[in-house]
Protein backbone atom coordinates (compact mmCIF):
# COMPACT_ATOMS: atom_id res chain seq x y z
CA MET A 1 61.61 172.32 7.01
CA ALA A 2 61.15 170.05 3.99
CA GLY A 3 64.82 170.51 3.14
CA TYR A 4 65.83 168.89 6.41
CA LEU A 5 63.60 165.88 5.86
CA HIS A 6 66.01 164.70 3.20
CA LEU A 7 68.51 164.21 6.02
CA VAL A 8 66.27 161.53 7.53
CA MET A 9 66.27 159.73 4.19
CA VAL A 10 70.06 160.08 3.89
CA ALA A 11 70.44 158.73 7.44
CA GLY A 12 68.34 155.77 6.32
CA VAL A 13 70.65 155.15 3.37
CA VAL A 14 73.71 155.33 5.65
CA ALA A 15 72.08 152.98 8.17
CA ALA A 16 71.16 150.60 5.33
CA ALA A 17 74.82 150.57 4.25
CA VAL A 18 75.91 149.76 7.80
CA GLY A 19 73.29 147.00 7.96
CA ALA A 20 74.49 145.60 4.64
CA LYS A 21 78.07 145.56 5.92
CA VAL A 22 76.97 143.70 9.06
CA MET A 23 74.94 141.25 6.97
CA ILE A 24 77.83 140.61 4.56
CA ALA A 25 80.23 140.02 7.46
CA GLU A 26 77.95 137.52 9.23
CA PRO A 27 75.02 136.44 7.02
CA LEU A 28 73.99 133.58 9.31
CA SER A 29 74.03 135.64 12.50
CA ARG A 30 70.89 135.42 14.61
CA ASP A 31 71.81 138.41 16.75
CA PRO A 32 68.68 140.57 17.21
CA ALA A 33 70.84 143.71 17.46
CA ALA A 34 72.34 143.01 14.04
CA PHE A 35 68.86 142.57 12.57
CA LEU A 36 67.76 145.83 14.20
CA VAL A 37 70.68 147.65 12.58
CA THR A 38 69.77 146.12 9.22
CA LEU A 39 66.10 147.03 9.66
CA SER A 40 66.73 150.60 10.82
CA GLY A 41 67.98 151.84 7.45
CA PRO A 42 64.85 151.09 5.41
CA ALA A 43 62.64 152.19 8.32
CA LEU A 44 64.39 155.57 8.55
CA PHE A 45 64.18 155.98 4.78
CA LEU A 46 60.44 155.24 4.77
CA ILE A 47 59.85 157.64 7.67
CA GLY A 48 61.72 160.38 5.81
CA TRP A 49 59.82 159.63 2.60
CA ILE A 50 56.46 159.79 4.42
CA LEU A 51 57.31 163.05 6.19
CA LEU A 52 58.67 164.64 3.01
CA ALA A 53 55.56 163.72 1.01
CA ALA A 54 53.35 165.13 3.78
CA ALA A 55 55.35 168.37 3.93
CA VAL A 56 55.62 168.94 0.18
CA HIS A 57 52.45 167.41 -1.27
CA HIS A 58 50.24 167.59 1.85
CA ARG A 59 49.25 163.98 1.30
CA VAL A 60 50.77 160.56 1.78
CA SER A 61 49.95 157.47 -0.23
CA TRP A 62 48.88 154.54 1.92
CA HIS A 63 51.66 152.34 0.52
CA ARG A 64 54.45 153.95 2.50
CA PRO A 65 52.87 153.84 5.98
CA ALA A 66 51.65 150.31 5.26
CA GLY A 67 55.19 149.36 4.27
CA LEU A 68 56.53 150.90 7.48
CA VAL A 69 54.01 148.97 9.59
CA ALA A 70 54.87 145.78 7.71
CA LEU A 71 58.57 146.48 8.27
CA VAL A 72 58.01 146.82 12.01
CA ALA A 73 55.94 143.63 12.01
CA LEU A 74 58.73 141.88 10.12
CA GLY A 75 61.18 143.09 12.75
CA LEU A 76 59.03 141.62 15.51
CA LEU A 77 58.47 138.31 13.76
CA ALA A 78 61.77 137.66 11.99
CA HIS A 79 64.37 138.90 14.46
CA ARG A 80 65.45 135.32 15.24
CA LEU A 81 65.95 134.32 11.61
CA PRO A 82 69.43 134.33 10.12
CA LEU A 83 70.36 137.85 9.06
CA LEU A 84 70.45 136.87 5.39
CA ALA A 85 66.88 135.53 5.51
CA GLY A 86 65.60 138.59 7.36
CA SER A 87 67.32 140.86 4.87
CA ALA A 88 65.79 138.95 1.96
CA LEU A 89 62.30 139.29 3.47
CA MET A 90 62.91 142.98 4.07
CA ALA A 91 64.05 143.49 0.47
CA ALA A 92 60.97 141.66 -0.83
CA LEU A 93 58.74 143.85 1.31
CA LEU A 94 60.36 147.06 0.05
CA ILE A 95 60.12 145.87 -3.54
CA ALA A 96 56.41 145.19 -2.99
CA VAL A 97 55.91 148.76 -1.69
CA VAL A 98 57.61 150.19 -4.78
CA VAL A 99 55.73 147.93 -7.21
CA VAL A 100 52.32 148.79 -5.70
CA GLU A 101 53.13 152.50 -5.64
CA THR A 102 54.38 152.44 -9.24
CA ALA A 103 51.29 150.56 -10.40
CA THR A 104 49.08 153.13 -8.66
CA LEU A 105 50.95 156.00 -10.28
CA ARG A 106 50.64 154.42 -13.72
CA ARG A 107 46.96 153.72 -13.25
CA THR A 108 45.91 157.06 -11.79
CA GLY A 109 48.65 159.42 -12.91
CA ARG A 110 49.18 160.74 -9.37
CA PRO A 111 49.90 159.37 -5.89
CA ARG A 112 46.96 158.61 -3.62
């Protein structure tokens, strides 16, 4: 089953590419559907990453689910912002998840 979980992550990458294309075409769009498309890629990737870690390592660090919850909250709060601003906030959020997870790995030597 773990082999198929990579497909969720790949679907997230594809959806992120579609979202980036939409954002590049109309960066000032305030269309909630366009923001949802842009948000779906990182959300799918995080879901796949969480499920894969649970299947392979039998544990999930708190950073990923917290990032997913924050991503959903961002979607609820920022869906009326211009697409470029929402995408920038989303990128900052994902960078924060990676930075916190990397710092934890460096400090402890293993994911929590």
